[in-house]
Structure formats: C-alpha cells, structure tokens
C-alpha atoms as a PDB file:
ATOM      1  CA  MET A   1      -2.667 -53.199  67.057  1.00  0.00           C
ATOM      2  CA  ALA A   2      -3.630 -53.533  63.414  1.00  0.00           C
ATOM      3  CA  GLY A   3      -6.227 -51.222  61.885  1.00  0.00           C
ATOM      4  CA  ASP A   4      -8.775 -54.016  61.496  1.00  0.00           C
ATOM      5  CA  GLU A   5      -8.368 -55.007  65.127  1.00  0.00           C
ATOM      6  CA  GLN A   6      -8.721 -51.384  66.236  1.00  0.00           C
ATOM      7  CA  ALA A   7     -11.871 -51.022  64.149  1.00  0.00           C
ATOM      8  CA  THR A   8     -13.495 -53.812  66.158  1.00  0.00           C
ATOM      9  CA  THR A   9     -12.021 -52.921  69.563  1.00  0.00           C
ATOM     10  CA  SER A  10     -12.491 -49.162  69.467  1.00  0.00           C
ATOM     11  CA  ARG A  11     -15.708 -48.071  71.113  1.00  0.00           C
ATOM     12  CA  ILE A  12     -18.197 -45.819  69.342  1.00  0.00           C
ATOM     13  CA  LEU A  13     -20.986 -44.189  71.318  1.00  0.00           C
ATOM     14  CA  ILE A  14     -24.040 -42.972  69.450  1.00  0.00           C
ATOM     15  CA  LEU A  15     -26.436 -40.543  71.084  1.00  0.00           C
ATOM     16  CA  ALA A  16     -29.597 -41.145  69.080  1.00  0.00           C
ATOM     17  CA  THR A  17     -32.657 -38.953  69.405  1.00  0.00           C
ATOM     18  CA  ASP A  18     -35.821 -40.727  70.367  1.00  0.00           C
ATOM     19  CA  ALA A  19     -37.855 -39.040  67.625  1.00  0.00           C
ATOM     20  CA  CYS A  20     -35.567 -39.514  64.608  1.00  0.00           C
ATOM     21  CA  ALA A  21     -32.189 -41.186  64.880  1.00  0.00           C
ATOM     22  CA  TYR A  22     -33.196 -44.080  67.125  1.00  0.00           C
ATOM     23  CA  PRO A  23     -35.962 -45.161  64.741  1.00  0.00           C
ATOM     24  CA  GLY A  24     -33.338 -44.771  61.979  1.00  0.00           C
ATOM     25  CA  ALA A  25     -31.101 -47.222  63.838  1.00  0.00           C
ATOM     26  CA  ASP A  26     -34.059 -49.549  64.259  1.00  0.00           C
ATOM     27  CA  ASN A  27     -34.639 -49.314  60.520  1.00  0.00           C
ATOM     28  CA  VAL A  28     -31.112 -50.675  59.980  1.00  0.00           C
ATOM     29  CA  GLY A  29     -32.178 -53.847  61.758  1.00  0.00           C
ATOM     30  CA  GLN A  30     -35.484 -54.009  59.927  1.00  0.00           C
ATOM     31  CA  ILE A  31     -33.705 -54.046  56.567  1.00  0.00           C
ATOM     32  CA  HIS A  32     -31.328 -56.721  57.920  1.00  0.00           C
ATOM     33  CA  SER A  33     -28.210 -54.557  57.683  1.00  0.00           C
ATOM     34  CA  GLU A  34     -25.515 -54.700  60.311  1.00  0.00           C
ATOM     35  CA  TYR A  35     -23.120 -52.358  62.016  1.00  0.00           C
ATOM     36  CA  PRO A  36     -20.117 -53.282  64.195  1.00  0.00           C
ATOM     37  CA  ALA A  37     -20.683 -54.719  67.660  1.00  0.00           C
ATOM     38  CA  ASN A  38     -18.380 -52.044  69.100  1.00  0.00           C
ATOM     39  CA  THR A  39     -21.129 -49.459  68.508  1.00  0.00           C
ATOM     40  CA  TYR A  40     -23.216 -48.529  71.526  1.00  0.00           C
ATOM     41  CA  ILE A  41     -26.494 -46.690  70.971  1.00  0.00           C
ATOM     42  CA  MET A  42     -27.964 -44.542  73.711  1.00  0.00           C
ATOM     43  CA  ARG A  43     -31.564 -43.494  73.098  1.00  0.00           C
ATOM     44  CA  VAL A  44     -32.100 -39.922  74.323  1.00  0.00           C
ATOM     45  CA  PRO A  45     -34.934 -37.355  74.100  1.00  0.00           C
ATOM     46  CA  ALA A  46     -32.520 -34.663  72.869  1.00  0.00           C
ATOM     47  CA  PRO A  47     -28.702 -34.684  72.918  1.00  0.00           C
ATOM     48  CA  ALA A  48     -28.779 -30.994  73.897  1.00  0.00           C
ATOM     49  CA  MET A  49     -29.407 -32.205  77.450  1.00  0.00           C
ATOM     50  CA  PHE A  50     -25.788 -33.384  77.835  1.00  0.00           C
ATOM     51  CA  PRO A  51     -23.269 -30.826  79.138  1.00  0.00           C
ATOM     52  CA  GLU A  52     -19.864 -30.318  77.522  1.00  0.00           C
ATOM     53  CA  GLU A  53     -18.177 -32.286  80.317  1.00  0.00           C
ATOM     54  CA  PHE A  54     -20.154 -35.394  79.384  1.00  0.00           C
ATOM     55  CA  TYR A  55     -18.352 -35.746  76.054  1.00  0.00           C
ATOM     56  CA  LEU A  56     -14.914 -35.136  77.534  1.00  0.00           C
ATOM     57  CA  ARG A  57     -15.541 -37.676  80.304  1.00  0.00           C
ATOM     58  CA  CYS A  58     -16.622 -40.244  77.712  1.00  0.00           C
ATOM     59  CA  PHE A  59     -13.239 -39.878  76.010  1.00  0.00           C
ATOM     60  CA  GLU A  60     -11.447 -40.097  79.373  1.00  0.00           C
ATOM     61  CA  LYS A  61     -13.372 -43.287  80.206  1.00  0.00           C
ATOM     62  CA  GLY A  62     -12.350 -45.037  76.985  1.00  0.00           C
ATOM     63  CA  ILE A  63     -14.944 -44.123  74.369  1.00  0.00           C
ATOM     64  CA  ASP A  64     -12.983 -43.624  71.156  1.00  0.00           C
ATOM     65  CA  GLY A  65     -15.599 -41.858  69.051  1.00  0.00           C
ATOM     66  CA  ILE A  66     -18.964 -40.207  69.618  1.00  0.00           C
ATOM     67  CA  ILE A  67     -21.608 -39.644  66.978  1.00  0.00           C
ATOM     68  CA  VAL A  68     -24.447 -37.357  67.993  1.00  0.00           C
ATOM     69  CA  MET A  69     -27.345 -38.286  65.738  1.00  0.00           C
ATOM     70  CA  SER A  70     -30.140 -35.793  66.019  1.00  0.00           C
ATOM     71  CA  CYS A  71     -33.258 -34.733  64.161  1.00  0.00           C
ATOM     72  CA  GLY A  72     -31.463 -31.635  62.966  1.00  0.00           C
ATOM     73  CA  HIS A  73     -33.707 -28.625  62.556  1.00  0.00           C
ATOM     74  CA  GLU A  74     -36.728 -30.966  62.658  1.00  0.00           C
ATOM     75  CA  CYS A  75     -36.171 -31.498  66.392  1.00  0.00           C
ATOM     76  CA  PRO A  76     -39.461 -31.402  68.323  1.00  0.00           C
ATOM     77  CA  TYR A  77     -37.755 -29.303  71.030  1.00  0.00           C
ATOM     78  CA  GLU A  78     -37.618 -25.731  69.771  1.00  0.00           C
ATOM     79  CA  GLY A  79     -34.073 -24.388  69.515  1.00  0.00           C
ATOM     80  CA  ALA A  80     -32.490 -27.616  70.785  1.00  0.00           C
ATOM     81  CA  TYR A  81     -30.544 -28.347  67.602  1.00  0.00           C
ATOM     82  CA  ASN A  82     -29.012 -24.872  67.492  1.00  0.00           C
ATOM     83  CA  ARG A  83     -28.005 -25.131  71.167  1.00  0.00           C
ATOM     84  CA  LEU A  84     -26.573 -28.571  70.481  1.00  0.00           C
ATOM     85  CA  ALA A  85     -24.509 -27.324  67.537  1.00  0.00           C
ATOM     86  CA  VAL A  86     -23.072 -24.524  69.692  1.00  0.00           C
ATOM     87  CA  ARG A  87     -22.308 -26.993  72.488  1.00  0.00           C
ATOM     88  CA  ILE A  88     -20.509 -29.386  70.124  1.00  0.00           C
ATOM     89  CA  GLY A  89     -18.468 -26.427  68.855  1.00  0.00           C
ATOM     90  CA  GLU A  90     -17.449 -25.621  72.425  1.00  0.00           C
ATOM     91  CA  VAL A  91     -16.511 -29.253  73.068  1.00  0.00           C
ATOM     92  CA  HIS A  92     -14.384 -29.215  69.899  1.00  0.00           C
ATOM     93  CA  LYS A  93     -12.456 -26.218  71.300  1.00  0.00           C
ATOM     94  CA  GLN A  94     -11.814 -28.103  74.529  1.00  0.00           C
ATOM     95  CA  MET A  95     -10.789 -31.206  72.612  1.00  0.00           C
ATOM     96  CA  LYS A  96      -8.199 -29.183  70.680  1.00  0.00           C
ATOM     97  CA  GLU A  97      -6.822 -27.824  73.966  1.00  0.00           C
ATOM     98  CA  ARG A  98      -6.421 -31.412  75.199  1.00  0.00           C
ATOM     99  CA  GLY A  99      -4.833 -32.617  71.970  1.00  0.00           C
ATOM    100  CA  LEU A 100      -7.816 -34.741  70.922  1.00  0.00           C
ATOM    101  CA  ASN A 101      -8.799 -35.115  67.283  1.00  0.00           C
ATOM    102  CA  THR A 102     -12.082 -33.209  66.922  1.00  0.00           C
ATOM    103  CA  ASN A 103     -13.252 -35.669  64.248  1.00  0.00           C
ATOM    104  CA  ARG A 104     -13.815 -38.133  67.090  1.00  0.00           C
ATOM    105  CA  LEU A 105     -16.979 -36.159  67.936  1.00  0.00           C
ATOM    106  CA  ARG A 106     -19.450 -35.752  65.095  1.00  0.00           C
ATOM    107  CA  LEU A 107     -22.868 -34.190  64.857  1.00  0.00           C
ATOM    108  CA  CYS A 108     -25.240 -35.322  62.125  1.00  0.00           C
ATOM    109  CA  ALA A 109     -28.938 -35.357  61.308  1.00  0.00           C
ATOM    110  CA  ILE A 110     -30.519 -38.782  60.836  1.00  0.00           C
ATOM    111  CA  CYS A 111     -34.191 -39.289  59.987  1.00  0.00           C
ATOM    112  CA  THR A 112     -36.426 -42.212  60.888  1.00  0.00           C
ATOM    113  CA  VAL A 113     -35.726 -44.079  57.627  1.00  0.00           C
ATOM    114  CA  CYS A 114     -32.105 -43.006  57.052  1.00  0.00           C
ATOM    115  CA  ALA A 115     -30.534 -46.461  57.323  1.00  0.00           C
ATOM    116  CA  LYS A 116     -27.880 -45.710  54.680  1.00  0.00           C
ATOM    117  CA  ALA A 117     -26.911 -42.434  56.340  1.00  0.00           C
ATOM    118  CA  PHE A 118     -26.766 -44.156  59.737  1.00  0.00           C
ATOM    119  CA  LEU A 119     -24.505 -46.899  58.396  1.00  0.00           C
ATOM    120  CA  LYS A 120     -22.330 -44.356  56.574  1.00  0.00           C
ATOM    121  CA  GLU A 121     -21.727 -42.361  59.764  1.00  0.00           C
ATOM    122  CA  VAL A 122     -20.803 -45.490  61.729  1.00  0.00           C
ATOM    123  CA  ARG A 123     -18.505 -46.705  58.922  1.00  0.00           C
ATOM    124  CA  GLN A 124     -16.766 -43.335  58.657  1.00  0.00           C
ATOM    125  CA  MET A 125     -16.159 -43.169  62.401  1.00  0.00           C
ATOM    126  CA  GLY A 126     -14.794 -46.722  62.366  1.00  0.00           C
ATOM    127  CA  GLU A 127     -12.442 -45.848  59.512  1.00  0.00           C
ATOM    128  CA  LEU A 128     -11.275 -42.705  61.305  1.00  0.00           C
ATOM    129  CA  LEU A 129     -10.537 -44.631  64.477  1.00  0.00           C
ATOM    130  CA  ALA A 130      -8.781 -47.424  62.568  1.00  0.00           C
ATOM    131  CA  GLY A 131      -6.665 -44.798  60.777  1.00  0.00           C
ATOM    132  CA  GLN A 132      -5.703 -43.152  64.046  1.00  0.00           C
ATOM    133  CA  ALA A 133      -4.656 -46.518  65.460  1.00  0.00           C
ATOM    134  CA  SER A 134      -2.520 -47.213  62.376  1.00  0.00           C
ATOM    135  CA  ALA A 135      -0.880 -43.784  62.631  1.00  0.00           C
ATOM    136  CA  SER A 136      -0.035 -44.281  66.304  1.00  0.00           C
ATOM    137  CA  SER A 137       1.401 -47.788  65.778  1.00  0.00           C
END
C-alpha cells in the first residue's frame, strides 16, 4: 500500500478532554479547517480514566495511532495529568515489549483555541503512520 493510501486508511483515535481538547477540535471546524476522515475523536472527561490495557487493546483491534489530547497541567481534575503521564509511560514500556513503535501513542496538551496545534498533532501522526507503511512495504 502506498504511503498516501496508508495515510487515509490508517485509523487515528483521539482522546480529547471535554474541558480543553474537544473544544479545540471544535475550533478547527469553526475556522473551516479540515483533518483527515480517518481520525476518530472520543470526547472524554479525563483520559486518566482509561487503564493501560485500553491502549493496547485499541492497537490489537486495528487502531494505528492514538493521540491523547489533554488539558495538561490545567486539567480541572487535580493530579490527573501527572497520573496520565505516568500511565502513558507504562504503556510505552509495554508497547516496546510487544515490538510496537511507541510514537504511535502520543500525549499532548491542547487548549480550547489551539486549532493549529490540534491540526499539527493529527498531521504528524498521519505522517508517522504513512512512513511506517512505506517502510514495511
């Protein structure tokens, strides 16, 4: 499969916090920008609620990349971002053990008006996945 085809057929899951990242994604639409149709946004109160197994099962079920977009240290749930960062680190260890590229799981902070940052994260994940497809062809 060519890189361009992989970029549109690979599946990217975004866990977007209700307080920050989801409004940031909404802002992308409000400014009439677009992101690929292979991007699935899941609106969540706080990504810290997902256990490590969730991420690994997503990869097993065919999700190619996961971007966890949170409020960062501005999270309304005290300590949630720090717990999330530790959890993502643990998932990265497990990914390495399974031979998965840890870049397929990214954690970033996106604010309510961060349309450019949102689009940049999606573009970078798409490029990573397209590059992996090219390398495996």
